[in-house]
N, C-alpha and C. Protein backbone atom coordinates (compact mmCIF):
# COMPACT_ATOMS: atom_id res chain seq x y z
N MET A 1 -71.78 11.38 137.93
CA MET A 1 -73.11 11.84 137.37
C MET A 1 -74.03 10.51 137.77
N GLU A 2 -73.43 9.31 137.56
CA GLU A 2 -74.43 8.21 137.84
C GLU A 2 -75.12 8.30 139.26
N THR A 3 -74.07 8.52 140.05
CA THR A 3 -74.58 8.59 141.48
C THR A 3 -75.68 9.61 141.78
N GLU A 4 -75.56 10.80 141.01
CA GLU A 4 -76.79 11.62 141.00
C GLU A 4 -77.96 11.11 140.51
N PHE A 5 -77.89 10.21 139.54
CA PHE A 5 -79.34 9.64 139.11
C PHE A 5 -79.81 8.75 140.11
N VAL A 6 -78.83 7.88 140.49
CA VAL A 6 -79.07 7.02 141.46
C VAL A 6 -79.96 7.69 142.72
N ASN A 7 -79.37 8.71 143.35
CA ASN A 7 -79.73 9.63 144.41
C ASN A 7 -81.19 9.94 144.14
N ILE A 8 -81.34 10.50 142.94
CA ILE A 8 -82.81 10.87 142.54
C ILE A 8 -83.79 9.93 142.68
N PHE A 9 -83.37 8.80 142.14
CA PHE A 9 -84.31 7.63 142.22
C PHE A 9 -84.65 7.02 143.86
N GLN A 10 -83.56 7.32 144.59
CA GLN A 10 -83.51 6.95 146.08
C GLN A 10 -84.58 7.92 146.64
N HIS A 11 -84.31 9.32 146.24
CA HIS A 11 -85.23 10.28 147.34
C HIS A 11 -86.46 10.55 146.58
N PHE A 12 -86.94 10.17 145.59
CA PHE A 12 -88.30 10.41 144.99
C PHE A 12 -88.74 9.07 144.35
N ASP A 13 -90.26 9.09 144.33
CA ASP A 13 -90.82 7.83 143.88
C ASP A 13 -90.64 7.76 142.31
N PHE A 14 -90.82 6.58 141.77
CA PHE A 14 -90.34 6.32 140.52
C PHE A 14 -90.75 7.19 139.30
N PRO A 15 -92.08 7.45 139.20
CA PRO A 15 -92.46 8.44 138.29
C PRO A 15 -91.84 9.76 138.30
N THR A 16 -91.59 10.39 139.52
CA THR A 16 -91.23 11.65 139.89
C THR A 16 -89.76 11.63 139.31
N ALA A 17 -88.94 10.64 139.87
CA ALA A 17 -87.57 10.48 139.42
C ALA A 17 -87.23 10.24 137.76
N LEU A 18 -88.35 9.49 137.25
CA LEU A 18 -88.32 9.29 135.86
C LEU A 18 -88.51 10.79 135.08
N SER A 19 -89.33 11.35 135.62
CA SER A 19 -89.60 12.79 134.97
C SER A 19 -88.55 13.82 135.01
N ILE A 20 -87.87 13.70 136.21
CA ILE A 20 -86.70 14.63 136.64
C ILE A 20 -85.48 14.06 135.63
N ILE A 21 -85.32 13.00 135.58
CA ILE A 21 -84.35 12.42 134.69
C ILE A 21 -84.78 12.88 133.10
N SER A 22 -85.75 12.57 132.80
CA SER A 22 -86.29 12.90 131.49
C SER A 22 -86.00 14.31 131.11
N LEU A 23 -86.36 15.22 132.09
CA LEU A 23 -86.33 16.74 132.02
C LEU A 23 -84.50 16.99 131.69
N LEU A 24 -83.80 16.44 132.61
CA LEU A 24 -82.42 16.51 132.47
C LEU A 24 -81.80 16.13 131.19
N ALA A 25 -82.23 14.97 130.70
CA ALA A 25 -82.00 14.31 129.43
C ALA A 25 -82.46 15.37 128.17
N PHE A 26 -83.66 15.83 128.45
CA PHE A 26 -83.95 17.01 127.18
C PHE A 26 -83.28 18.32 127.21
N ALA A 27 -82.83 18.56 128.51
CA ALA A 27 -82.07 19.78 128.61
C ALA A 27 -80.73 19.63 128.20
N TRP A 28 -80.12 18.41 128.31
CA TRP A 28 -78.68 18.09 128.07
C TRP A 28 -78.69 18.12 126.35
N LEU A 29 -79.79 17.33 125.81
CA LEU A 29 -79.83 17.45 124.21
C LEU A 29 -80.22 18.71 123.78
N GLY A 30 -80.89 19.51 124.39
CA GLY A 30 -81.34 20.77 123.87
C GLY A 30 -79.79 21.72 124.04
N LYS A 31 -79.21 21.50 124.86
CA LYS A 31 -77.82 22.08 125.06
C LYS A 31 -76.89 21.62 124.10
N ARG A 32 -76.79 20.54 123.62
CA ARG A 32 -75.93 19.85 122.63
C ARG A 32 -76.54 20.41 121.26
N PHE A 33 -77.89 20.55 121.11
CA PHE A 33 -78.35 20.88 119.80
C PHE A 33 -77.96 22.53 119.76
N TRP A 34 -78.16 23.12 120.82
CA TRP A 34 -77.77 24.74 120.81
C TRP A 34 -76.26 24.91 120.43
N GLU A 35 -75.50 24.11 121.06
CA GLU A 35 -74.01 24.29 120.70
C GLU A 35 -73.69 23.90 119.28
N ARG A 36 -74.08 22.92 118.82
CA ARG A 36 -74.03 22.53 117.54
C ARG A 36 -74.70 23.62 116.28
N ASP A 37 -75.68 24.22 116.77
CA ASP A 37 -76.26 24.98 116.08
C ASP A 37 -75.46 26.26 115.80
N LYS A 38 -74.94 26.59 117.00
CA LYS A 38 -73.94 27.89 117.19
C LYS A 38 -72.50 27.52 116.26
N GLU A 39 -71.96 26.22 116.26
CA GLU A 39 -71.02 25.83 115.42
C GLU A 39 -71.22 26.01 113.93
N GLN A 40 -72.42 25.17 113.51
CA GLN A 40 -72.85 25.36 112.17
C GLN A 40 -72.95 26.86 111.78
N THR A 41 -73.71 27.46 112.50
CA THR A 41 -73.93 28.87 112.06
C THR A 41 -72.55 29.69 111.90
N ALA A 42 -71.70 29.58 112.74
CA ALA A 42 -70.58 30.03 112.65
C ALA A 42 -69.59 29.76 111.27
N GLU A 43 -69.75 28.25 111.10
CA GLU A 43 -69.19 27.89 109.86
C GLU A 43 -69.74 28.42 108.57
N ALA A 44 -71.28 28.52 108.69
CA ALA A 44 -72.10 29.09 107.39
C ALA A 44 -71.75 30.58 107.19
N LEU A 45 -71.62 31.38 108.44
CA LEU A 45 -71.07 32.60 108.11
C LEU A 45 -69.67 32.71 107.69
N LYS A 46 -68.86 31.95 108.03
CA LYS A 46 -67.41 31.93 107.35
C LYS A 46 -67.43 31.54 106.05
N PHE A 47 -68.11 30.47 105.62
CA PHE A 47 -68.44 30.17 104.14
C PHE A 47 -69.01 31.25 103.49
N ARG A 48 -70.11 31.96 103.88
CA ARG A 48 -70.76 33.01 103.51
C ARG A 48 -69.74 34.10 103.20
N ASP A 49 -68.87 34.53 103.96
CA ASP A 49 -67.96 35.56 103.85
C ASP A 49 -66.76 35.14 102.69
N GLN A 50 -66.47 33.96 102.77
CA GLN A 50 -65.65 33.53 101.65
C GLN A 50 -66.28 33.76 100.38
N PHE A 51 -67.58 33.15 100.17
CA PHE A 51 -68.28 33.42 99.14
C PHE A 51 -68.42 34.72 98.55
N ILE A 52 -68.78 35.69 99.48
CA ILE A 52 -68.73 37.12 99.17
C ILE A 52 -67.50 37.60 98.75
N GLY A 53 -66.51 37.30 99.29
CA GLY A 53 -65.03 37.59 98.79
C GLY A 53 -64.84 37.24 97.29
N TYR A 54 -65.23 35.92 97.05
CA TYR A 54 -65.12 35.39 95.84
C TYR A 54 -65.82 36.20 94.76
N LEU A 55 -67.02 36.46 95.10
CA LEU A 55 -68.03 37.22 94.16
C LEU A 55 -67.41 38.63 93.97
N GLN A 56 -66.91 39.52 95.06
CA GLN A 56 -66.27 40.48 94.96
C GLN A 56 -65.19 40.64 93.97
N GLN A 57 -64.26 39.65 94.00
CA GLN A 57 -62.97 39.60 93.35
C GLN A 57 -63.42 39.23 92.01
N ARG A 58 -64.45 38.28 91.50
CA ARG A 58 -64.80 38.17 90.37
C ARG A 58 -65.54 39.50 89.66
N GLU A 59 -66.24 40.20 90.38
CA GLU A 59 -66.84 41.49 89.87
C GLU A 59 -65.51 42.51 89.44
N ILE A 60 -64.56 42.59 90.46
CA ILE A 60 -63.52 43.52 89.81
C ILE A 60 -62.97 42.86 88.42
N GLU A 61 -62.70 41.76 88.49
CA GLU A 61 -62.11 41.03 87.37
C GLU A 61 -63.08 41.41 86.07
N GLN A 62 -64.24 41.17 86.15
CA GLN A 62 -65.29 41.28 85.18
C GLN A 62 -65.40 42.81 84.84
N SER A 63 -65.14 43.68 85.90
CA SER A 63 -65.35 45.16 85.42
C SER A 63 -64.24 45.49 84.71
N GLY A 64 -62.94 44.92 85.09
CA GLY A 64 -61.60 45.33 84.18
C GLY A 64 -61.73 44.78 82.87
N ALA A 65 -62.40 43.40 82.60
CA ALA A 65 -62.45 42.92 81.49
C ALA A 65 -63.48 43.80 80.56
N ILE A 66 -64.59 44.17 81.10
CA ILE A 66 -65.74 45.10 80.40
C ILE A 66 -64.86 46.34 80.02
N LEU A 67 -64.06 46.93 80.87
CA LEU A 67 -63.28 48.08 80.51
C LEU A 67 -62.22 47.88 79.45
N GLU A 68 -61.46 46.84 79.45
CA GLU A 68 -60.55 46.53 78.25
C GLU A 68 -61.51 46.42 76.89
N ASN A 69 -62.65 45.83 76.86
CA ASN A 69 -63.37 45.65 75.88
C ASN A 69 -64.18 46.84 75.42
N ALA A 70 -64.42 47.80 76.16
CA ALA A 70 -64.89 48.91 75.70
C ALA A 70 -63.72 49.83 74.97
N THR A 71 -62.77 49.71 75.66
CA THR A 71 -61.54 50.46 75.08
C THR A 71 -61.25 49.89 73.64
N ALA A 72 -61.12 48.94 73.66
CA ALA A 72 -60.91 47.99 72.19
C ALA A 72 -62.04 48.35 71.18
N ALA A 73 -63.34 48.47 71.78
CA ALA A 73 -64.37 48.80 70.88
C ALA A 73 -64.31 50.24 70.44
N LYS A 74 -63.81 50.91 71.41
CA LYS A 74 -63.73 52.36 70.93
C LYS A 74 -62.67 52.39 69.71
N GLU A 75 -61.62 51.67 69.94
CA GLU A 75 -60.28 51.86 69.17
C GLU A 75 -60.74 51.21 67.76
N THR A 76 -61.44 50.21 67.96
CA THR A 76 -62.10 49.49 66.51
C THR A 76 -63.11 50.43 65.78
N ALA A 77 -63.83 51.18 66.59
CA ALA A 77 -64.74 52.21 65.67
C ALA A 77 -63.89 53.29 65.32
N SER A 78 -62.87 53.72 65.82
CA SER A 78 -61.99 54.95 65.33
C SER A 78 -61.48 54.23 64.09
N ALA A 79 -60.80 52.84 64.13
CA ALA A 79 -60.12 52.59 62.95
C ALA A 79 -61.09 52.40 61.94
N PHE A 80 -62.51 51.96 62.12
CA PHE A 80 -63.48 51.84 61.13
C PHE A 80 -63.70 53.15 60.44
N LYS A 81 -63.73 54.22 61.33
CA LYS A 81 -63.87 55.71 60.90
C LYS A 81 -62.80 56.12 59.94
N GLU A 82 -61.51 55.67 60.29
CA GLU A 82 -60.53 55.99 59.46
C GLU A 82 -60.50 55.30 58.25
N THR A 83 -60.94 53.95 58.35
CA THR A 83 -61.01 53.29 57.01
C THR A 83 -62.10 53.67 56.12
N ALA A 84 -63.23 54.01 56.70
CA ALA A 84 -64.27 54.67 55.84
C ALA A 84 -63.82 55.85 55.15
N SER A 85 -63.13 56.68 55.87
CA SER A 85 -62.49 58.02 55.18
C SER A 85 -61.59 57.74 54.15
N ALA A 86 -60.74 56.83 54.38
CA ALA A 86 -59.83 56.56 53.52
C ALA A 86 -60.47 55.89 52.17
N LEU A 87 -61.66 55.09 52.35
CA LEU A 87 -62.30 54.63 51.20
C LEU A 87 -62.93 55.72 50.56
N ASN A 88 -63.46 56.64 51.21
CA ASN A 88 -64.27 57.79 50.92
C ASN A 88 -63.15 58.63 49.84
N ARG A 89 -62.02 58.79 50.39
CA ARG A 89 -60.94 59.58 49.55
C ARG A 89 -60.37 58.87 48.24
N PHE A 90 -60.47 57.41 48.41
CA PHE A 90 -60.06 56.68 47.17
C PHE A 90 -61.30 56.65 46.39
N SER A 91 -62.45 56.67 46.78
CA SER A 91 -63.22 56.91 45.47
C SER A 91 -63.50 58.05 44.96
N LEU A 92 -63.08 59.18 45.83
CA LEU A 92 -62.82 60.41 44.82
C LEU A 92 -61.74 60.39 43.93
N VAL A 93 -60.67 59.67 44.47
CA VAL A 93 -59.77 59.55 43.49
C VAL A 93 -60.08 58.81 42.14
N LEU A 94 -60.75 57.65 42.43
CA LEU A 94 -61.30 56.95 41.30
C LEU A 94 -62.23 57.40 40.45
N GLU A 95 -62.90 58.47 40.91
CA GLU A 95 -63.89 59.40 40.28
C GLU A 95 -63.32 60.32 39.32
N ARG A 96 -62.18 60.97 39.74
CA ARG A 96 -61.43 61.71 39.00
C ARG A 96 -60.76 61.18 37.91
N LEU A 97 -60.12 59.77 38.25
CA LEU A 97 -59.33 59.25 37.45
C LEU A 97 -60.25 58.95 36.24
N GLU A 98 -61.68 58.41 36.62
CA GLU A 98 -62.68 57.91 35.45
C GLU A 98 -62.82 59.30 34.43
N LYS A 99 -63.13 60.52 35.25
CA LYS A 99 -63.31 61.63 34.34
C LYS A 99 -62.12 61.80 33.56
N PHE A 100 -60.90 61.72 34.23
CA PHE A 100 -59.73 61.99 33.34
C PHE A 100 -59.70 60.86 32.03
N LEU A 101 -59.98 59.73 32.42
CA LEU A 101 -59.71 58.72 31.33
C LEU A 101 -60.82 58.86 30.13
N SER A 102 -62.25 59.25 30.67
CA SER A 102 -63.17 59.48 29.77
C SER A 102 -62.93 60.77 28.87
N ILE A 103 -62.25 61.82 29.54
CA ILE A 103 -62.08 62.74 28.64
C ILE A 103 -60.85 62.57 27.57
N HIS A 104 -59.86 61.73 28.08
CA HIS A 104 -58.86 61.35 27.06
C HIS A 104 -59.32 60.34 26.10
N ILE A 105 -60.27 59.52 26.34
CA ILE A 105 -60.87 58.57 25.43
C ILE A 105 -61.71 59.34 24.58
N GLU A 106 -62.44 60.24 24.84
CA GLU A 106 -63.41 61.31 24.03
C GLU A 106 -62.47 61.94 23.00
N GLN A 107 -61.23 62.48 23.47
CA GLN A 107 -60.49 63.22 22.68
C GLN A 107 -59.86 62.52 21.58
N LYS A 108 -59.57 61.12 21.75
CA LYS A 108 -58.94 60.17 20.99
C LYS A 108 -59.96 59.80 19.73
N VAL A 109 -61.10 59.71 19.88
CA VAL A 109 -62.26 59.43 19.19
C VAL A 109 -62.70 60.48 18.19
């Protein structure tokens, strides 16, 4: 490669040879930047795909947790309904007991 640069300076005058070598250097740098950009783009795409996979996995896990919580909330609501019904029945029993006791107390007096 060095001999090519020497040949350029031998065949052309200095300003022209310097321009040619500058253009070759810019082309070489451009090619290097292009290759590096392609590598970084490939790495970024790989990282992006991994991140998307991670997010999808978390979404699945969160959906499962939400489903479990919804089921638990439904069961809790059902238990509260049963408890309220039992309390209502118990209040009826207490009301009957109160009437029964009030009748017996009035009869003794």
